[in-house]
Amino acid sequence: MAYSMTGFGSAKAQIDGTDVEVQVKTLNHRGLDIHVTMPSMPGNMELLFQKLIRQFVARGRVDLTVTIGDEKKARAGLNSTLLEARVSALKSIFGDAWSRNKCLEFCLTQRDVWEFEQSPTMSDKFYESILEVARHALEILTKARRSEGKSLETYMLNALDIIDTSRQAALERAPQRVSEYRQALNDRIKALSEDPKLELDATRLATEVALLADKIDVTEELTRIATHLSALRILVLSPADPLTCIGKKIDFYLQELNREATTMASKSRDTILTKHTIDIRTNLESIREQAANIQ
């Protein structure tokens, strides 16, 4: 059971007459990378958000944004007295080196010269309610990630079936290729043995033919491919919760499958087997691209 690392969830509520919206977006990432954005956030609030997010997401980049009320109306005005005091202090320090406009520009970037409306509802209970809205958004996010995960499962399982079809065709061709190669070697040796100037040891020749034929036999690689395909199917279909990470395990099996396919291509030296190998590796690459989205 796969969960995608990409998803989106949003939830809204009205808390003590104030509109609150929480949006959660997740993207691909090697580990768990959490980013929380919220106006006037208390010191411990981000830690509470992180703890909550870890109950739903185990891997990926998480961007959680909290909007409280109308942010455009949040700024009430400018503290002119404080601003003028700051500008005068800068002018006395820098003199003519800084113009008044430059001092104003610098001071206006300081948050404390602006006066913000403080909602009387910003109590501990208010922030607890925001966490509940965030939980609801994360639940919606989890459903979206699971829905995308089902699509990824279907795609991967279909690709695995195609790979297995190519593997079976290669398995049928492998003994034929060995037989053809052995016959070609025998014919070549027979032609050489007719040369009176050459003395050939029949037993040694038979041994060498057998060794050379064994070097192009890809049955062992095809058997290991079958084992990895079976393990990969079990991994994709195994029951799991939203915190189970299988993406890295899938990538490991894909590496092993690609290694076996590469070995098979180098050993076979056969056009038909090479075609099956290309089909296998092409589908492995397509699975790898999709597996990059799985948690």
Protein backbone atom coordinates (compact mmCIF):
# COMPACT_ATOMS: atom_id res chain seq x y z
CA MET A 1 0.00 0.00 0.00
CA ALA A 2 1.72 3.15 -1.21
CA TYR A 3 1.30 6.77 -0.16
CA SER A 4 2.44 9.54 -2.46
CA MET A 5 4.78 12.20 -1.12
CA THR A 6 2.85 14.86 -3.03
CA GLY A 7 -0.53 16.10 -1.87
CA PHE A 8 -2.61 19.02 -0.69
CA GLY A 9 -5.10 19.53 2.12
CA SER A 10 -7.06 22.56 3.28
CA ALA A 11 -9.48 23.20 6.14
CA LYS A 12 -11.37 26.26 7.33
CA ALA A 13 -13.15 27.16 10.57
CA GLN A 14 -14.48 30.13 12.47
CA ILE A 15 -13.00 30.37 15.94
CA ASP A 16 -14.55 32.92 18.31
CA GLY A 17 -15.76 34.93 15.32
CA THR A 18 -12.38 34.85 13.54
CA ASP A 19 -11.91 33.04 10.22
CA VAL A 20 -9.05 30.56 10.24
CA GLU A 21 -7.71 28.58 7.27
CA VAL A 22 -4.95 25.96 7.28
CA GLN A 23 -3.36 24.74 4.05
CA VAL A 24 -0.89 21.85 3.89
CA LYS A 25 1.19 20.99 0.85
CA THR A 26 3.68 18.14 0.56
CA LEU A 27 6.41 17.60 -2.01
CA ASN A 28 9.17 15.06 -2.68
CA HIS A 29 12.15 15.09 -0.32
CA ARG A 30 14.72 12.58 0.89
CA GLY A 31 13.71 13.05 4.52
CA LEU A 32 11.06 14.91 6.50
CA ASP A 33 11.40 18.68 6.03
CA ILE A 34 8.72 20.75 7.83
CA HIS A 35 8.01 24.44 7.25
CA VAL A 36 5.28 26.27 9.19
CA THR A 37 4.04 29.79 8.41
CA MET A 38 1.66 31.55 10.79
CA PRO A 39 1.25 35.20 11.83
CA SER A 40 2.05 36.05 15.44
CA MET A 41 3.02 32.46 16.26
CA PRO A 42 3.87 31.76 19.93
CA GLY A 43 7.25 30.20 20.64
CA ASN A 44 5.97 26.68 21.31
CA MET A 45 3.38 26.66 18.53
CA GLU A 46 5.78 25.55 15.80
CA LEU A 47 6.88 22.59 17.93
CA LEU A 48 3.23 21.60 18.40
CA PHE A 49 2.67 21.82 14.64
CA GLN A 50 5.73 19.65 13.98
CA LYS A 51 4.54 17.06 16.48
CA LEU A 52 1.12 17.01 14.82
CA ILE A 53 2.54 16.73 11.30
CA ARG A 54 4.73 13.78 12.31
CA GLN A 55 1.54 11.86 13.15
CA PHE A 56 0.54 12.01 9.46
CA VAL A 57 3.71 12.35 7.37
CA ALA A 58 7.01 10.46 7.65
CA ARG A 59 8.86 11.62 4.54
CA GLY A 60 8.74 14.62 2.21
CA ARG A 61 8.73 18.40 2.40
CA VAL A 62 5.72 19.75 4.29
CA ASP A 63 4.57 23.37 3.96
CA LEU A 64 1.83 24.30 6.44
CA THR A 65 0.35 27.80 6.23
CA VAL A 66 -2.12 29.29 8.71
CA THR A 67 -4.21 32.32 7.73
CA ILE A 68 -6.05 34.13 10.53
CA GLY A 69 -8.79 36.59 9.58
CA ASP A 70 -8.17 39.12 6.82
CA GLU A 71 -4.42 39.62 6.65
CA LYS A 72 -4.87 42.82 4.61
CA LYS A 73 -6.64 44.42 7.55
CA ALA A 74 -4.21 43.15 10.13
CA ARG A 75 -1.95 46.19 9.87
CA ALA A 76 -3.58 49.05 11.82
CA GLY A 77 -1.07 51.82 11.22
CA LEU A 78 2.31 53.31 11.83
CA ASN A 79 3.83 54.36 15.15
CA SER A 80 4.96 57.82 13.95
CA THR A 81 6.52 58.79 17.27
CA LEU A 82 8.76 55.74 17.36
CA LEU A 83 9.59 56.13 13.67
CA GLU A 84 10.70 59.76 14.08
CA ALA A 85 12.82 58.84 17.11
CA ARG A 86 14.56 56.11 15.11
CA VAL A 87 15.18 58.44 12.15
CA SER A 88 16.61 61.16 14.40
CA ALA A 89 18.89 58.63 16.09
CA LEU A 90 20.23 57.44 12.74
CA LYS A 91 20.77 60.99 11.49
CA SER A 92 22.76 61.83 14.62
CA ILE A 93 24.94 58.76 14.07
CA PHE A 94 25.56 59.02 10.32
CA GLY A 95 25.06 62.76 9.75
CA ASP A 96 25.19 63.72 6.08
CA ALA A 97 26.34 60.22 5.08
CA TRP A 98 22.71 59.09 5.21
CA SER A 99 19.85 61.17 3.85
CA ARG A 100 16.54 61.39 5.68
CA ASN A 101 14.89 59.23 3.02
CA LYS A 102 17.47 56.49 3.50
CA CYS A 103 16.93 56.61 7.26
CA LEU A 104 13.17 56.35 6.72
CA GLU A 105 13.58 53.42 4.34
CA PHE A 106 15.73 51.59 6.87
CA CYS A 107 13.39 52.22 9.83
CA LEU A 108 10.24 51.25 7.93
CA THR A 109 11.62 47.71 7.54
CA GLN A 110 11.58 47.26 11.33
CA ARG A 111 8.49 45.46 12.48
CA ASP A 112 8.08 47.25 15.81
CA VAL A 113 7.41 50.65 14.17
CA TRP A 114 4.18 49.20 12.83
CA GLU A 115 1.12 48.75 15.02
CA PHE A 116 -0.83 45.56 14.51
CA GLU A 117 -4.33 44.77 15.65
CA GLN A 118 -4.28 42.28 18.48
CA SER A 119 -7.32 40.06 18.55
CA PRO A 120 -8.67 39.49 22.05
CA THR A 121 -9.43 35.88 21.06
CA MET A 122 -5.73 34.91 20.79
CA SER A 123 -5.88 32.75 23.88
CA ASP A 124 -4.49 29.28 24.53
CA LYS A 125 -7.88 27.86 23.62
CA PHE A 126 -7.76 29.77 20.33
CA TYR A 127 -4.41 28.22 19.40
CA GLU A 128 -5.63 24.77 20.43
CA SER A 129 -8.54 25.22 18.04
CA ILE A 130 -6.09 26.13 15.26
CA LEU A 131 -4.31 22.83 15.86
CA GLU A 132 -7.63 21.01 15.41
CA VAL A 133 -8.17 22.78 12.09
CA ALA A 134 -4.63 21.77 11.11
CA ARG A 135 -5.42 18.16 12.04
CA HIS A 136 -8.45 18.22 9.76
CA ALA A 137 -6.32 19.62 6.91
CA LEU A 138 -3.75 16.86 7.46
CA GLU A 139 -6.49 14.22 7.35
CA ILE A 140 -7.62 15.59 3.98
CA LEU A 141 -3.99 15.63 2.86
CA THR A 142 -3.58 11.98 3.84
CA LYS A 143 -6.62 10.99 1.73
CA ALA A 144 -5.17 12.86 -1.23
CA ARG A 145 -1.77 11.18 -0.78
CA ARG A 146 -3.42 7.75 -0.59
CA SER A 147 -5.48 8.42 -3.72
CA GLU A 148 -2.34 9.37 -5.62
CA GLY A 149 -0.61 6.35 -4.10
CA LYS A 150 -3.24 4.03 -5.58
CA SER A 151 -2.55 5.44 -9.04
CA LEU A 152 1.17 4.88 -8.53
CA GLU A 153 0.50 1.29 -7.38
CA THR A 154 -1.53 0.53 -10.50
CA TYR A 155 1.13 1.98 -12.78
CA MET A 156 3.95 0.09 -11.07
CA LEU A 157 2.13 -3.25 -11.02
CA ASN A 158 1.32 -2.95 -14.73
CA ALA A 159 4.96 -2.15 -15.48
CA LEU A 160 6.09 -5.13 -13.39
CA ASP A 161 3.76 -7.38 -15.41
CA ILE A 162 5.34 -6.11 -18.64
CA ILE A 163 8.81 -6.77 -17.24
CA ASP A 164 7.79 -10.28 -16.23
CA THR A 165 6.47 -10.94 -19.74
CA SER A 166 9.83 -9.91 -21.19
CA ARG A 167 11.60 -12.07 -18.59
CA GLN A 168 9.55 -15.14 -19.54
CA ALA A 169 10.26 -14.59 -23.23
CA ALA A 170 13.97 -14.28 -22.44
CA LEU A 171 13.80 -17.46 -20.35
CA GLU A 172 12.41 -19.34 -23.34
CA ARG A 173 15.11 -17.96 -25.60
CA ALA A 174 18.05 -18.56 -23.22
CA PRO A 175 18.48 -22.36 -23.75
CA GLN A 176 18.07 -21.92 -27.51
CA ARG A 177 20.86 -19.33 -27.49
CA VAL A 178 23.15 -21.66 -25.50
CA SER A 179 22.42 -24.52 -27.91
CA GLU A 180 23.11 -22.33 -30.94
CA TYR A 181 26.33 -21.04 -29.42
CA ARG A 182 27.52 -24.54 -28.54
CA GLN A 183 26.77 -25.74 -32.09
CA ALA A 184 28.65 -22.78 -33.59
CA LEU A 185 31.69 -23.55 -31.43
CA ASN A 186 31.57 -27.23 -32.38
CA ASP A 187 31.39 -26.36 -36.07
CA ARG A 188 34.32 -24.01 -35.71
CA ILE A 189 36.38 -26.59 -33.85
CA LYS A 190 35.46 -29.26 -36.38
CA ALA A 191 36.73 -27.05 -39.16
CA LEU A 192 39.97 -26.47 -37.28
CA SER A 193 40.39 -30.17 -36.52
CA GLU A 194 40.49 -30.94 -40.24
CA ASP A 195 43.75 -29.04 -40.46
CA PRO A 196 46.49 -31.77 -40.32
CA LYS A 197 48.93 -29.33 -38.80
CA LEU A 198 46.84 -28.98 -35.60
CA GLU A 199 46.72 -31.54 -32.81
CA LEU A 200 43.50 -31.16 -30.74
CA ASP A 201 42.64 -32.81 -27.44
CA ALA A 202 38.99 -33.88 -27.80
CA THR A 203 38.36 -33.96 -24.03
CA ARG A 204 39.89 -30.53 -23.49
CA LEU A 205 37.91 -29.11 -26.39
CA ALA A 206 34.65 -30.48 -25.00
CA THR A 207 35.44 -28.90 -21.63
CA GLU A 208 36.22 -25.51 -23.18
CA VAL A 209 33.03 -25.56 -25.24
CA ALA A 210 31.00 -26.31 -22.14
CA LEU A 211 32.69 -23.45 -20.21
CA LEU A 212 32.17 -20.93 -23.00
CA ALA A 213 28.54 -21.96 -23.41
CA ASP A 214 28.02 -21.58 -19.65
CA LYS A 215 29.38 -18.02 -19.75
CA ILE A 216 26.55 -16.88 -22.01
CA ASP A 217 23.83 -18.67 -20.02
CA VAL A 218 21.56 -16.03 -18.42
CA THR A 219 19.18 -18.43 -16.66
CA GLU A 220 20.58 -17.52 -13.25
CA GLU A 221 20.06 -13.78 -13.85
CA LEU A 222 16.50 -14.38 -15.05
CA THR A 223 15.76 -16.43 -11.93
CA ARG A 224 16.99 -13.60 -9.68
CA ILE A 225 14.92 -11.11 -11.67
CA ALA A 226 11.84 -13.21 -10.98
CA THR A 227 12.66 -13.25 -7.25
CA HIS A 228 13.09 -9.46 -7.12
CA LEU A 229 9.87 -8.89 -9.08
CA SER A 230 7.94 -11.05 -6.62
CA ALA A 231 9.43 -9.22 -3.62
CA LEU A 232 8.64 -5.86 -5.20
CA ARG A 233 5.00 -6.80 -5.79
CA ILE A 234 4.65 -7.94 -2.18
CA LEU A 235 6.19 -4.68 -0.96
CA VAL A 236 3.88 -2.49 -3.06
CA LEU A 237 0.73 -4.40 -2.04
CA SER A 238 1.59 -4.97 1.63
CA PRO A 239 -0.73 -3.22 4.15
CA ALA A 240 0.76 0.00 5.50
CA ASP A 241 -0.22 3.18 7.31
CA PRO A 242 0.56 6.78 6.23
CA LEU A 243 3.82 6.69 8.20
CA THR A 244 5.27 3.63 6.46
CA CYS A 245 8.12 4.54 4.09
CA ILE A 246 8.56 2.09 1.21
CA GLY A 247 10.00 4.40 -1.45
CA LYS A 248 13.62 3.74 -0.53
CA LYS A 249 13.03 -0.03 -0.41
CA ILE A 250 11.45 0.09 -3.86
CA ASP A 251 14.48 1.97 -5.15
CA PHE A 252 16.77 -0.73 -3.72
CA TYR A 253 14.91 -3.51 -5.57
CA LEU A 254 15.00 -1.46 -8.78
CA GLN A 255 18.78 -1.15 -8.45
CA GLU A 256 19.10 -4.92 -8.05
CA LEU A 257 16.82 -5.57 -11.03
CA ASN A 258 18.76 -3.14 -13.18
CA ARG A 259 22.03 -4.82 -12.16
CA GLU A 260 20.73 -8.25 -13.20
CA ALA A 261 19.42 -6.89 -16.51
CA THR A 262 22.78 -5.26 -17.23
CA THR A 263 24.63 -8.51 -16.51
CA MET A 264 22.20 -10.40 -18.74
CA ALA A 265 22.79 -7.99 -21.62
CA SER A 266 26.57 -8.26 -21.34
CA LYS A 267 26.54 -12.09 -21.19
CA SER A 268 23.98 -13.03 -23.80
CA ARG A 269 25.49 -11.50 -26.95
CA ASP A 270 22.21 -12.24 -28.68
CA THR A 271 19.93 -9.86 -30.59
CA ILE A 272 16.68 -11.32 -29.25
CA LEU A 273 17.85 -11.42 -25.63
CA THR A 274 19.20 -7.88 -25.97
CA LYS A 275 15.77 -6.69 -27.11
CA HIS A 276 14.14 -8.27 -24.03
CA THR A 277 16.81 -6.69 -21.82
CA ILE A 278 16.12 -3.25 -23.30
CA ASP A 279 12.40 -3.71 -22.64
CA ILE A 280 13.12 -4.68 -19.04
CA ARG A 281 15.44 -1.74 -18.40
CA THR A 282 13.09 0.74 -20.08
CA ASN A 283 10.21 -0.29 -17.82
CA LEU A 284 12.48 -0.28 -14.78
CA GLU A 285 13.38 3.32 -15.52
CA SER A 286 9.71 4.29 -15.83
CA ILE A 287 9.02 2.63 -12.46
CA ARG A 288 11.95 4.49 -10.92
CA GLU A 289 10.50 7.83 -12.07
CA GLN A 290 7.15 7.03 -10.44
CA ALA A 291 8.72 5.52 -7.33
CA ALA A 292 10.42 8.87 -6.65
CA ASN A 293 6.94 10.13 -5.61
CA ILE A 294 6.29 7.33 -3.10
CA GLN A 295 6.86 7.94 0.59
